[in-house]
Amino acid sequence: MDFGRFSGQVSKELDVNGNTLRVWCLELENAGYKFERNNRQQRIYYEHDINILKEMKVLMADG
C-alpha cells in the first residue's frame, strides 16, 4: 500500500530545500500535472509523484 507523504518528508528524501520542491511542483502543475491534496490544500506525495520529482532533479542537475 502506498502511503502519501507531505512536503517536509519529500524534501528530505530528495535532499532539496522545501522552497525548491514547491517551485518544482508549481512548474509541474502549470504543465497540467495533478497532485492529490488534503482538505487543507496541502500536497500529498505518493511514490509515483516522488519518482517524477527524482527524475526532475536529475534533469535539473544535468542542465
PDB file of N, CA and C in Angstrom:
ATOM      1  N   MET A   1       0.846  -1.186   0.000  1.00  0.00           N
ATOM      2  CA  MET A   1       0.000   0.000   0.000  1.00  0.00           C
ATOM      3  C   MET A   1       0.888   1.245   0.000  1.00  0.00           C
ATOM      4  N   ASP A   2       0.560   2.184  -0.828  1.00  0.00           N
ATOM      5  CA  ASP A   2       1.344   3.401  -0.991  1.00  0.00           C
ATOM      6  C   ASP A   2       0.767   4.498  -0.103  1.00  0.00           C
ATOM      7  N   PHE A   3       1.517   4.867   0.932  1.00  0.00           N
ATOM      8  CA  PHE A   3       1.067   5.922   1.827  1.00  0.00           C
ATOM      9  C   PHE A   3       1.601   7.259   1.341  1.00  0.00           C
ATOM     10  N   GLY A   4       0.767   8.259   1.400  1.00  0.00           N
ATOM     11  CA  GLY A   4       1.176   9.585   0.983  1.00  0.00           C
ATOM     12  C   GLY A   4       2.095  10.233   2.005  1.00  0.00           C
ATOM     13  N   ARG A   5       2.911  11.142   1.514  1.00  0.00           N
ATOM     14  CA  ARG A   5       3.830  11.882   2.368  1.00  0.00           C
ATOM     15  C   ARG A   5       3.644  13.371   2.127  1.00  0.00           C
ATOM     16  N   PHE A   6       4.092  14.150   3.086  1.00  0.00           N
ATOM     17  CA  PHE A   6       3.999  15.600   2.967  1.00  0.00           C
ATOM     18  C   PHE A   6       5.337  16.187   2.525  1.00  0.00           C
ATOM     19  N   SER A   7       5.333  17.454   2.200  1.00  0.00           N
ATOM     20  CA  SER A   7       6.497  18.100   1.591  1.00  0.00           C
ATOM     21  C   SER A   7       7.761  18.007   2.440  1.00  0.00           C
ATOM     22  N   GLY A   8       7.654  18.105   3.749  1.00  0.00           N
ATOM     23  CA  GLY A   8       8.841  18.022   4.596  1.00  0.00           C
ATOM     24  C   GLY A   8       9.571  16.706   4.438  1.00  0.00           C
ATOM     25  N   GLN A   9       8.802  15.623   4.399  1.00  0.00           N
ATOM     26  CA  GLN A   9       9.398  14.298   4.228  1.00  0.00           C
ATOM     27  C   GLN A   9      10.016  14.157   2.841  1.00  0.00           C
ATOM     28  N   VAL A  10       9.310  14.648   1.849  1.00  0.00           N
ATOM     29  CA  VAL A  10       9.770  14.504   0.464  1.00  0.00           C
ATOM     30  C   VAL A  10      11.013  15.352   0.215  1.00  0.00           C
ATOM     31  N   SER A  11      11.046  16.563   0.735  1.00  0.00           N
ATOM     32  CA  SER A  11      12.228  17.405   0.522  1.00  0.00           C
ATOM     33  C   SER A  11      13.458  16.781   1.173  1.00  0.00           C
ATOM     34  N   LYS A  12      13.291  16.141   2.326  1.00  0.00           N
ATOM     35  CA  LYS A  12      14.418  15.441   2.956  1.00  0.00           C
ATOM     36  C   LYS A  12      14.847  14.247   2.112  1.00  0.00           C
ATOM     37  N   GLU A  13      13.871  13.491   1.621  1.00  0.00           N
ATOM     38  CA  GLU A  13      14.187  12.318   0.802  1.00  0.00           C
ATOM     39  C   GLU A  13      14.928  12.709  -0.475  1.00  0.00           C
ATOM     40  N   LEU A  14      14.523  13.816  -1.071  1.00  0.00           N
ATOM     41  CA  LEU A  14      15.153  14.276  -2.311  1.00  0.00           C
ATOM     42  C   LEU A  14      16.399  15.122  -2.056  1.00  0.00           C
ATOM     43  N   ASP A  15      16.612  15.484  -0.794  1.00  0.00           N
ATOM     44  CA  ASP A  15      17.732  16.341  -0.406  1.00  0.00           C
ATOM     45  C   ASP A  15      17.679  17.673  -1.151  1.00  0.00           C
ATOM     46  N   VAL A  16      16.499  18.297  -1.102  1.00  0.00           N
ATOM     47  CA  VAL A  16      16.313  19.629  -1.680  1.00  0.00           C
ATOM     48  C   VAL A  16      15.606  20.510  -0.656  1.00  0.00           C
ATOM     49  N   ASN A  17      15.781  21.785  -0.800  1.00  0.00           N
ATOM     50  CA  ASN A  17      15.119  22.763   0.044  1.00  0.00           C
ATOM     51  C   ASN A  17      13.607  22.706  -0.194  1.00  0.00           C
ATOM     52  N   GLY A  18      12.828  22.979   0.835  1.00  0.00           N
ATOM     53  CA  GLY A  18      11.376  22.977   0.697  1.00  0.00           C
ATOM     54  C   GLY A  18      10.874  23.947  -0.355  1.00  0.00           C
ATOM     55  N   ASN A  19      11.535  25.097  -0.465  1.00  0.00           N
ATOM     56  CA  ASN A  19      11.142  26.072  -1.491  1.00  0.00           C
ATOM     57  C   ASN A  19      11.400  25.541  -2.892  1.00  0.00           C
ATOM     58  N   THR A  20      12.494  24.819  -3.051  1.00  0.00           N
ATOM     59  CA  THR A  20      12.802  24.213  -4.347  1.00  0.00           C
ATOM     60  C   THR A  20      11.726  23.209  -4.723  1.00  0.00           C
ATOM     61  N   LEU A  21      11.339  22.383  -3.774  1.00  0.00           N
ATOM     62  CA  LEU A  21      10.282  21.398  -4.021  1.00  0.00           C
ATOM     63  C   LEU A  21       8.989  22.095  -4.431  1.00  0.00           C
ATOM     64  N   ARG A  22       8.644  23.164  -3.744  1.00  0.00           N
ATOM     65  CA  ARG A  22       7.417  23.897  -4.056  1.00  0.00           C
ATOM     66  C   ARG A  22       7.462  24.458  -5.473  1.00  0.00           C
ATOM     67  N   VAL A  23       8.595  25.038  -5.858  1.00  0.00           N
ATOM     68  CA  VAL A  23       8.737  25.603  -7.209  1.00  0.00           C
ATOM     69  C   VAL A  23       8.603  24.508  -8.258  1.00  0.00           C
ATOM     70  N   TRP A  24       9.261  23.368  -8.029  1.00  0.00           N
ATOM     71  CA  TRP A  24       9.152  22.256  -8.974  1.00  0.00           C
ATOM     72  C   TRP A  24       7.704  21.815  -9.112  1.00  0.00           C
ATOM     73  N   CYS A  25       7.008  21.720  -7.998  1.00  0.00           N
ATOM     74  CA  CYS A  25       5.610  21.277  -8.032  1.00  0.00           C
ATOM     75  C   CYS A  25       4.725  22.281  -8.759  1.00  0.00           C
ATOM     76  N   LEU A  26       4.975  23.549  -8.537  1.00  0.00           N
ATOM     77  CA  LEU A  26       4.215  24.573  -9.255  1.00  0.00           C
ATOM     78  C   LEU A  26       4.453  24.483 -10.756  1.00  0.00           C
ATOM     79  N   GLU A  27       5.692  24.236 -11.153  1.00  0.00           N
ATOM     80  CA  GLU A  27       6.003  24.078 -12.579  1.00  0.00           C
ATOM     81  C   GLU A  27       5.273  22.872 -13.164  1.00  0.00           C
ATOM     82  N   LEU A  28       5.279  21.768 -12.426  1.00  0.00           N
ATOM     83  CA  LEU A  28       4.565  20.575 -12.896  1.00  0.00           C
ATOM     84  C   LEU A  28       3.064  20.846 -12.998  1.00  0.00           C
ATOM     85  N   GLU A  29       2.507  21.523 -12.002  1.00  0.00           N
ATOM     86  CA  GLU A  29       1.076  21.840 -12.030  1.00  0.00           C
ATOM     87  C   GLU A  29       0.742  22.782 -13.179  1.00  0.00           C
ATOM     88  N   ASN A  30       1.607  23.731 -13.452  1.00  0.00           N
ATOM     89  CA  ASN A  30       1.389  24.641 -14.583  1.00  0.00           C
ATOM     90  C   ASN A  30       1.396  23.897 -15.909  1.00  0.00           C
ATOM     91  N   ALA A  31       2.095  22.760 -15.941  1.00  0.00           N
ATOM     92  CA  ALA A  31       2.142  21.926 -17.148  1.00  0.00           C
ATOM     93  C   ALA A  31       1.000  20.910 -17.177  1.00  0.00           C
ATOM     94  N   GLY A  32       0.122  20.939 -16.155  1.00  0.00           N
ATOM     95  CA  GLY A  32      -1.043  20.064 -16.153  1.00  0.00           C
ATOM     96  C   GLY A  32      -0.984  18.883 -15.201  1.00  0.00           C
ATOM     97  N   TYR A  33       0.130  18.722 -14.490  1.00  0.00           N
ATOM     98  CA  TYR A  33       0.250  17.600 -13.550  1.00  0.00           C
ATOM     99  C   TYR A  33      -0.633  17.870 -12.339  1.00  0.00           C
ATOM    100  N   LYS A  34      -1.268  16.833 -11.815  1.00  0.00           N
ATOM    101  CA  LYS A  34      -2.160  16.971 -10.663  1.00  0.00           C
ATOM    102  C   LYS A  34      -1.598  16.216  -9.466  1.00  0.00           C
ATOM    103  N   PHE A  35      -1.377  16.934  -8.378  1.00  0.00           N
ATOM    104  CA  PHE A  35      -1.036  16.314  -7.105  1.00  0.00           C
ATOM    105  C   PHE A  35      -2.319  16.189  -6.300  1.00  0.00           C
ATOM    106  N   GLU A  36      -2.439  15.110  -5.574  1.00  0.00           N
ATOM    107  CA  GLU A  36      -3.570  14.998  -4.659  1.00  0.00           C
ATOM    108  C   GLU A  36      -3.350  15.992  -3.527  1.00  0.00           C
ATOM    109  N   ARG A  37      -4.431  16.542  -3.021  1.00  0.00           N
ATOM    110  CA  ARG A  37      -4.350  17.491  -1.903  1.00  0.00           C
ATOM    111  C   ARG A  37      -5.319  17.064  -0.808  1.00  0.00           C
ATOM    112  N   ASN A  38      -4.957  17.411   0.428  1.00  0.00           N
ATOM    113  CA  ASN A  38      -5.852  17.105   1.542  1.00  0.00           C
ATOM    114  C   ASN A  38      -6.839  18.251   1.726  1.00  0.00           C
ATOM    115  N   ASN A  39      -7.643  18.180   2.782  1.00  0.00           N
ATOM    116  CA  ASN A  39      -8.672  19.205   2.988  1.00  0.00           C
ATOM    117  C   ASN A  39      -8.083  20.560   3.383  1.00  0.00           C
ATOM    118  N   ARG A  40      -6.781  20.599   3.707  1.00  0.00           N
ATOM    119  CA  ARG A  40      -6.096  21.864   3.999  1.00  0.00           C
ATOM    120  C   ARG A  40      -5.317  22.357   2.782  1.00  0.00           C
ATOM    121  N   GLN A  41      -5.552  21.716   1.634  1.00  0.00           N
ATOM    122  CA  GLN A  41      -4.916  22.053   0.349  1.00  0.00           C
ATOM    123  C   GLN A  41      -3.412  21.802   0.336  1.00  0.00           C
ATOM    124  N   GLN A  42      -2.927  20.947   1.239  1.00  0.00           N
ATOM    125  CA  GLN A  42      -1.522  20.542   1.226  1.00  0.00           C
ATOM    126  C   GLN A  42      -1.360  19.425   0.206  1.00  0.00           C
ATOM    127  N   ARG A  43      -0.265  19.469  -0.538  1.00  0.00           N
ATOM    128  CA  ARG A  43       0.001  18.394  -1.487  1.00  0.00           C
ATOM    129  C   ARG A  43       0.321  17.116  -0.724  1.00  0.00           C
ATOM    130  N   ILE A  44      -0.173  16.015  -1.257  1.00  0.00           N
ATOM    131  CA  ILE A  44       0.154  14.693  -0.740  1.00  0.00           C
ATOM    132  C   ILE A  44       0.947  14.001  -1.839  1.00  0.00           C
ATOM    133  N   TYR A  45       2.137  13.560  -1.496  1.00  0.00           N
ATOM    134  CA  TYR A  45       3.050  12.965  -2.473  1.00  0.00           C
ATOM    135  C   TYR A  45       3.044  11.448  -2.331  1.00  0.00           C
ATOM    136  N   TYR A  46       2.782  10.784  -3.433  1.00  0.00           N
ATOM    137  CA  TYR A  46       2.833   9.322  -3.474  1.00  0.00           C
ATOM    138  C   TYR A  46       4.088   8.910  -4.228  1.00  0.00           C
ATOM    139  N   GLU A  47       4.367   7.624  -4.204  1.00  0.00           N
ATOM    140  CA  GLU A  47       5.613   7.123  -4.799  1.00  0.00           C
ATOM    141  C   GLU A  47       5.760   7.563  -6.255  1.00  0.00           C
ATOM    142  N   HIS A  48       4.680   7.524  -7.038  1.00  0.00           N
ATOM    143  CA  HIS A  48       4.790   7.936  -8.444  1.00  0.00           C
ATOM    144  C   HIS A  48       5.122   9.426  -8.564  1.00  0.00           C
ATOM    145  N   ASP A  49       4.608  10.246  -7.648  1.00  0.00           N
ATOM    146  CA  ASP A  49       4.950  11.675  -7.652  1.00  0.00           C
ATOM    147  C   ASP A  49       6.427  11.868  -7.323  1.00  0.00           C
ATOM    148  N   ILE A  50       6.898  11.134  -6.324  1.00  0.00           N
ATOM    149  CA  ILE A  50       8.289  11.253  -5.881  1.00  0.00           C
ATOM    150  C   ILE A  50       9.239  10.799  -6.985  1.00  0.00           C
ATOM    151  N   ASN A  51       8.861   9.753  -7.708  1.00  0.00           N
ATOM    152  CA  ASN A  51       9.701   9.292  -8.821  1.00  0.00           C
ATOM    153  C   ASN A  51       9.826  10.361  -9.901  1.00  0.00           C
ATOM    154  N   ILE A  52       8.751  11.055 -10.183  1.00  0.00           N
ATOM    155  CA  ILE A  52       8.792  12.144 -11.166  1.00  0.00           C
ATOM    156  C   ILE A  52       9.696  13.265 -10.669  1.00  0.00           C
ATOM    157  N   LEU A  53       9.593  13.586  -9.381  1.00  0.00           N
ATOM    158  CA  LEU A  53      10.434  14.640  -8.812  1.00  0.00           C
ATOM    159  C   LEU A  53      11.908  14.234  -8.796  1.00  0.00           C
ATOM    160  N   LYS A  54      12.179  12.952  -8.557  1.00  0.00           N
ATOM    161  CA  LYS A  54      13.567  12.466  -8.617  1.00  0.00           C
ATOM    162  C   LYS A  54      14.121  12.634 -10.026  1.00  0.00           C
ATOM    163  N   GLU A  55      13.316  12.308 -11.021  1.00  0.00           N
ATOM    164  CA  GLU A  55      13.743  12.466 -12.414  1.00  0.00           C
ATOM    165  C   GLU A  55      13.959  13.942 -12.735  1.00  0.00           C
ATOM    166  N   MET A  56      13.093  14.787 -12.217  1.00  0.00           N
ATOM    167  CA  MET A  56      13.233  16.223 -12.431  1.00  0.00           C
ATOM    168  C   MET A  56      14.547  16.718 -11.823  1.00  0.00           C
ATOM    169  N   LYS A  57      14.896  16.212 -10.652  1.00  0.00           N
ATOM    170  CA  LYS A  57      16.152  16.597 -10.004  1.00  0.00           C
ATOM    171  C   LYS A  57      17.349  16.206 -10.872  1.00  0.00           C
ATOM    172  N   VAL A  58      17.310  15.004 -11.435  1.00  0.00           N
ATOM    173  CA  VAL A  58      18.396  14.547 -12.312  1.00  0.00           C
ATOM    174  C   VAL A  58      18.496  15.453 -13.537  1.00  0.00           C
ATOM    175  N   LEU A  59      17.369  15.758 -14.141  1.00  0.00           N
ATOM    176  CA  LEU A  59      17.370  16.615 -15.329  1.00  0.00           C
ATOM    177  C   LEU A  59      17.892  18.013 -15.012  1.00  0.00           C
ATOM    178  N   MET A  60      17.530  18.540 -13.847  1.00  0.00           N
ATOM    179  CA  MET A  60      17.999  19.866 -13.450  1.00  0.00           C
ATOM    180  C   MET A  60      19.509  19.850 -13.213  1.00  0.00           C
ATOM    181  N   ALA A  61      20.017  18.763 -12.650  1.00  0.00           N
ATOM    182  CA  ALA A  61      21.455  18.649 -12.379  1.00  0.00           C
ATOM    183  C   ALA A  61      22.253  18.537 -13.677  1.00  0.00           C
ATOM    184  N   ASP A  62      21.646  17.889 -14.676  1.00  0.00           N
ATOM    185  CA  ASP A  62      22.316  17.717 -15.969  1.00  0.00           C
ATOM    186  C   ASP A  62      22.317  19.005 -16.791  1.00  0.00           C
ATOM    187  N   GLY A  63      21.480  19.957 -16.387  1.00  0.00           N
ATOM    188  CA  GLY A  63      21.445  21.246 -17.075  1.00  0.00           C
ATOM    189  C   GLY A  63      20.602  21.178 -18.276  1.00  0.00           C
TER     190      GLY A  63
END
